[in-house]
Amino acid sequence: MSKFREKIGHEFIKVLPPTIFFFVILHIVALIRALMIRGTGVSLASNTAVGSHPNRLENAREAYSLRERCK
């Protein structure tokens, strides 16, 4: 059990630096994106949505209702 715990601890220490790096970098990217958008008057869909379209659900509902009317 000691070797297992030692191996898990070693792997955790190896994974920690890249995890912290990406956590910081992605927050910087989100901050820059929000600052760039602030002056344009365009609202962000959400803080975590990167590249998603805010009307995706609405468009899907319209397509479904159109398909139902055509039957």
Foldseek 3Di string as FASTA:
>chain_A
DVVVVVVVVVVVVVPPPVVVVVVVVVVVVLVVVCVVCVVVPDDDLDSPDDPDDNCPVVVVVVVVVVVVVVD
